[in-house]
């Protein structure tokens, strides 16, 4: 298991947090996710084998941008 904090732009409300959390929960191997629009971050706990590209793609498909 690996815990990561990802910087995400474009979240402005609790609904945005829910959109990002739902997108990440739909990925296999994501065991915990918590988005915070005030801090522009998403904390995720991932099983081995979940790539950063998969996580970033899920966030971007939900309509938000991942900061490098």
N, C-alpha and C. Protein backbone atom coordinates (compact mmCIF):
# COMPACT_ATOMS: atom_id res chain seq x y z
N UNK A 1 0.85 -1.18 0.00
CA UNK A 1 0.00 0.00 0.00
C UNK A 1 0.89 1.24 0.00
N UNK A 2 0.42 2.23 -0.73
CA UNK A 2 1.16 3.47 -0.83
C UNK A 2 0.19 4.63 -0.67
N UNK A 3 0.59 5.61 0.12
CA UNK A 3 -0.23 6.80 0.31
C UNK A 3 0.40 7.95 -0.47
N UNK A 4 -0.44 8.68 -1.20
CA UNK A 4 0.04 9.81 -1.99
C UNK A 4 -0.88 11.00 -1.77
N UNK A 5 -0.29 12.18 -1.86
CA UNK A 5 -1.05 13.41 -1.89
C UNK A 5 -0.82 14.04 -3.25
N UNK A 6 -1.90 14.29 -3.96
CA UNK A 6 -1.83 14.81 -5.33
C UNK A 6 -2.41 16.22 -5.34
N UNK A 7 -1.70 17.13 -5.99
CA UNK A 7 -2.20 18.50 -6.16
C UNK A 7 -3.13 18.54 -7.36
N UNK A 8 -4.34 19.05 -7.13
CA UNK A 8 -5.36 19.08 -8.17
C UNK A 8 -5.92 20.49 -8.25
N UNK A 9 -6.04 21.02 -9.47
CA UNK A 9 -6.64 22.34 -9.64
C UNK A 9 -8.02 22.19 -10.27
N UNK A 10 -8.87 23.17 -9.97
CA UNK A 10 -10.20 23.18 -10.56
C UNK A 10 -11.30 22.79 -9.59
N UNK A 11 -10.96 22.28 -8.42
CA UNK A 11 -11.98 21.93 -7.44
C UNK A 11 -12.36 23.20 -6.68
N UNK A 12 -13.66 23.51 -6.63
CA UNK A 12 -14.08 24.74 -5.96
C UNK A 12 -15.17 24.53 -4.91
N UNK A 13 -15.62 23.27 -4.75
CA UNK A 13 -16.71 23.04 -3.81
C UNK A 13 -16.73 21.56 -3.38
N UNK A 14 -17.64 21.24 -2.47
CA UNK A 14 -17.77 19.86 -2.01
C UNK A 14 -18.19 18.92 -3.13
N UNK A 15 -18.98 19.43 -4.07
CA UNK A 15 -19.38 18.61 -5.20
C UNK A 15 -18.19 18.21 -6.06
N UNK A 16 -17.26 19.13 -6.21
CA UNK A 16 -16.03 18.83 -6.95
C UNK A 16 -15.24 17.74 -6.24
N UNK A 17 -15.16 17.84 -4.93
CA UNK A 17 -14.47 16.81 -4.14
C UNK A 17 -15.12 15.45 -4.40
N UNK A 18 -16.44 15.41 -4.38
CA UNK A 18 -17.16 14.16 -4.60
C UNK A 18 -16.89 13.60 -5.99
N UNK A 19 -16.84 14.47 -6.99
CA UNK A 19 -16.56 14.02 -8.36
C UNK A 19 -15.19 13.34 -8.45
N UNK A 20 -14.19 13.96 -7.85
CA UNK A 20 -12.84 13.40 -7.89
C UNK A 20 -12.79 12.10 -7.09
N UNK A 21 -13.40 12.09 -5.91
CA UNK A 21 -13.39 10.89 -5.08
C UNK A 21 -14.08 9.73 -5.79
N UNK A 22 -15.20 10.00 -6.43
CA UNK A 22 -15.93 8.95 -7.15
C UNK A 22 -15.09 8.41 -8.30
N UNK A 23 -14.46 9.29 -9.05
CA UNK A 23 -13.62 8.87 -10.18
C UNK A 23 -12.49 7.95 -9.70
N UNK A 24 -11.88 8.29 -8.58
CA UNK A 24 -10.77 7.48 -8.08
C UNK A 24 -11.24 6.18 -7.45
N UNK A 25 -12.38 6.21 -6.79
CA UNK A 25 -12.91 4.97 -6.19
C UNK A 25 -13.27 3.94 -7.25
N UNK A 26 -13.54 4.40 -8.46
CA UNK A 26 -13.85 3.48 -9.54
C UNK A 26 -12.63 2.77 -10.11
N UNK A 27 -11.43 3.20 -9.70
CA UNK A 27 -10.20 2.52 -10.13
C UNK A 27 -9.94 1.31 -9.24
N UNK A 28 -9.60 0.20 -9.86
CA UNK A 28 -9.20 -0.97 -9.08
C UNK A 28 -7.92 -0.65 -8.34
N UNK A 29 -7.86 -1.00 -7.06
CA UNK A 29 -6.64 -0.81 -6.29
C UNK A 29 -6.61 0.45 -5.45
N UNK A 30 -7.66 1.25 -5.52
CA UNK A 30 -7.74 2.44 -4.67
C UNK A 30 -8.55 2.06 -3.44
N UNK A 31 -7.90 2.11 -2.27
CA UNK A 31 -8.60 1.68 -1.06
C UNK A 31 -9.13 2.84 -0.23
N UNK A 32 -8.58 4.03 -0.42
CA UNK A 32 -9.06 5.19 0.33
C UNK A 32 -8.77 6.43 -0.49
N UNK A 33 -9.71 7.38 -0.47
CA UNK A 33 -9.50 8.65 -1.18
C UNK A 33 -10.23 9.76 -0.43
N UNK A 34 -9.56 10.89 -0.30
CA UNK A 34 -10.16 12.06 0.35
C UNK A 34 -9.68 13.31 -0.36
N UNK A 35 -10.61 14.03 -0.98
CA UNK A 35 -10.29 15.27 -1.69
C UNK A 35 -10.58 16.46 -0.78
N UNK A 36 -9.80 17.52 -0.97
CA UNK A 36 -9.97 18.75 -0.20
C UNK A 36 -9.85 19.93 -1.15
N UNK A 37 -10.99 20.56 -1.47
CA UNK A 37 -10.95 21.66 -2.44
C UNK A 37 -10.27 22.90 -1.89
N UNK A 38 -10.31 23.10 -0.57
CA UNK A 38 -9.64 24.27 0.02
C UNK A 38 -8.13 24.18 -0.14
N UNK A 39 -7.59 22.97 -0.01
CA UNK A 39 -6.14 22.77 -0.11
C UNK A 39 -5.71 22.38 -1.53
N UNK A 40 -6.67 22.15 -2.41
CA UNK A 40 -6.38 21.68 -3.78
C UNK A 40 -5.58 20.38 -3.77
N UNK A 41 -5.97 19.46 -2.89
CA UNK A 41 -5.26 18.18 -2.81
C UNK A 41 -6.23 17.00 -2.76
N UNK A 42 -5.70 15.85 -3.14
CA UNK A 42 -6.41 14.59 -3.00
C UNK A 42 -5.44 13.61 -2.35
N UNK A 43 -5.84 13.03 -1.22
CA UNK A 43 -5.05 11.99 -0.56
C UNK A 43 -5.62 10.64 -0.99
N UNK A 44 -4.74 9.76 -1.48
CA UNK A 44 -5.18 8.44 -1.91
C UNK A 44 -4.28 7.38 -1.30
N UNK A 45 -4.87 6.23 -1.02
CA UNK A 45 -4.12 5.05 -0.61
C UNK A 45 -4.31 4.02 -1.72
N UNK A 46 -3.19 3.59 -2.28
CA UNK A 46 -3.20 2.72 -3.45
C UNK A 46 -2.52 1.40 -3.16
N UNK A 47 -3.06 0.35 -3.76
CA UNK A 47 -2.38 -0.94 -3.72
C UNK A 47 -1.25 -0.92 -4.73
N UNK A 48 -0.29 -1.82 -4.57
CA UNK A 48 0.80 -1.92 -5.54
C UNK A 48 0.22 -2.20 -6.92
N UNK A 49 0.81 -1.60 -7.92
CA UNK A 49 0.38 -1.84 -9.29
C UNK A 49 -0.51 -0.76 -9.85
N UNK A 50 -1.01 0.16 -9.02
CA UNK A 50 -1.81 1.27 -9.54
C UNK A 50 -0.83 2.36 -9.96
N UNK A 51 -0.86 2.73 -11.23
CA UNK A 51 0.12 3.69 -11.73
C UNK A 51 -0.35 5.12 -11.52
N UNK A 52 0.64 6.02 -11.47
CA UNK A 52 0.33 7.44 -11.39
C UNK A 52 -0.46 7.88 -12.61
N UNK A 53 -0.13 7.31 -13.77
CA UNK A 53 -0.85 7.67 -14.99
C UNK A 53 -2.33 7.33 -14.89
N UNK A 54 -2.65 6.17 -14.31
CA UNK A 54 -4.05 5.77 -14.14
C UNK A 54 -4.79 6.74 -13.21
N UNK A 55 -4.13 7.10 -12.12
CA UNK A 55 -4.73 8.01 -11.15
C UNK A 55 -4.94 9.38 -11.79
N UNK A 56 -3.90 9.89 -12.45
CA UNK A 56 -4.00 11.21 -13.09
C UNK A 56 -5.07 11.22 -14.17
N UNK A 57 -5.15 10.16 -14.95
CA UNK A 57 -6.15 10.08 -16.01
C UNK A 57 -7.56 10.10 -15.44
N UNK A 58 -7.79 9.42 -14.33
CA UNK A 58 -9.11 9.40 -13.71
C UNK A 58 -9.50 10.80 -13.24
N UNK A 59 -8.56 11.51 -12.65
CA UNK A 59 -8.82 12.88 -12.19
C UNK A 59 -9.13 13.79 -13.38
N UNK A 60 -8.33 13.66 -14.42
CA UNK A 60 -8.52 14.51 -15.60
C UNK A 60 -9.83 14.18 -16.33
N UNK A 61 -10.21 12.92 -16.36
CA UNK A 61 -11.48 12.54 -16.99
C UNK A 61 -12.67 13.08 -16.20
N UNK A 62 -12.47 13.31 -14.90
CA UNK A 62 -13.53 13.90 -14.08
C UNK A 62 -13.62 15.41 -14.29
N UNK A 63 -12.64 15.98 -15.03
CA UNK A 63 -12.72 17.39 -15.37
C UNK A 63 -11.79 18.31 -14.59
N UNK A 64 -10.79 17.75 -13.95
CA UNK A 64 -9.87 18.53 -13.12
C UNK A 64 -8.44 18.32 -13.60
N UNK A 65 -7.54 19.21 -13.22
CA UNK A 65 -6.16 19.15 -13.66
C UNK A 65 -5.24 18.74 -12.51
N UNK A 66 -4.27 17.89 -12.86
CA UNK A 66 -3.26 17.46 -11.90
C UNK A 66 -2.04 18.35 -12.07
N UNK A 67 -1.59 18.94 -10.96
CA UNK A 67 -0.38 19.77 -11.00
C UNK A 67 0.84 18.86 -10.92
N UNK A 68 1.84 19.17 -11.71
CA UNK A 68 3.08 18.38 -11.71
C UNK A 68 3.87 18.62 -10.45
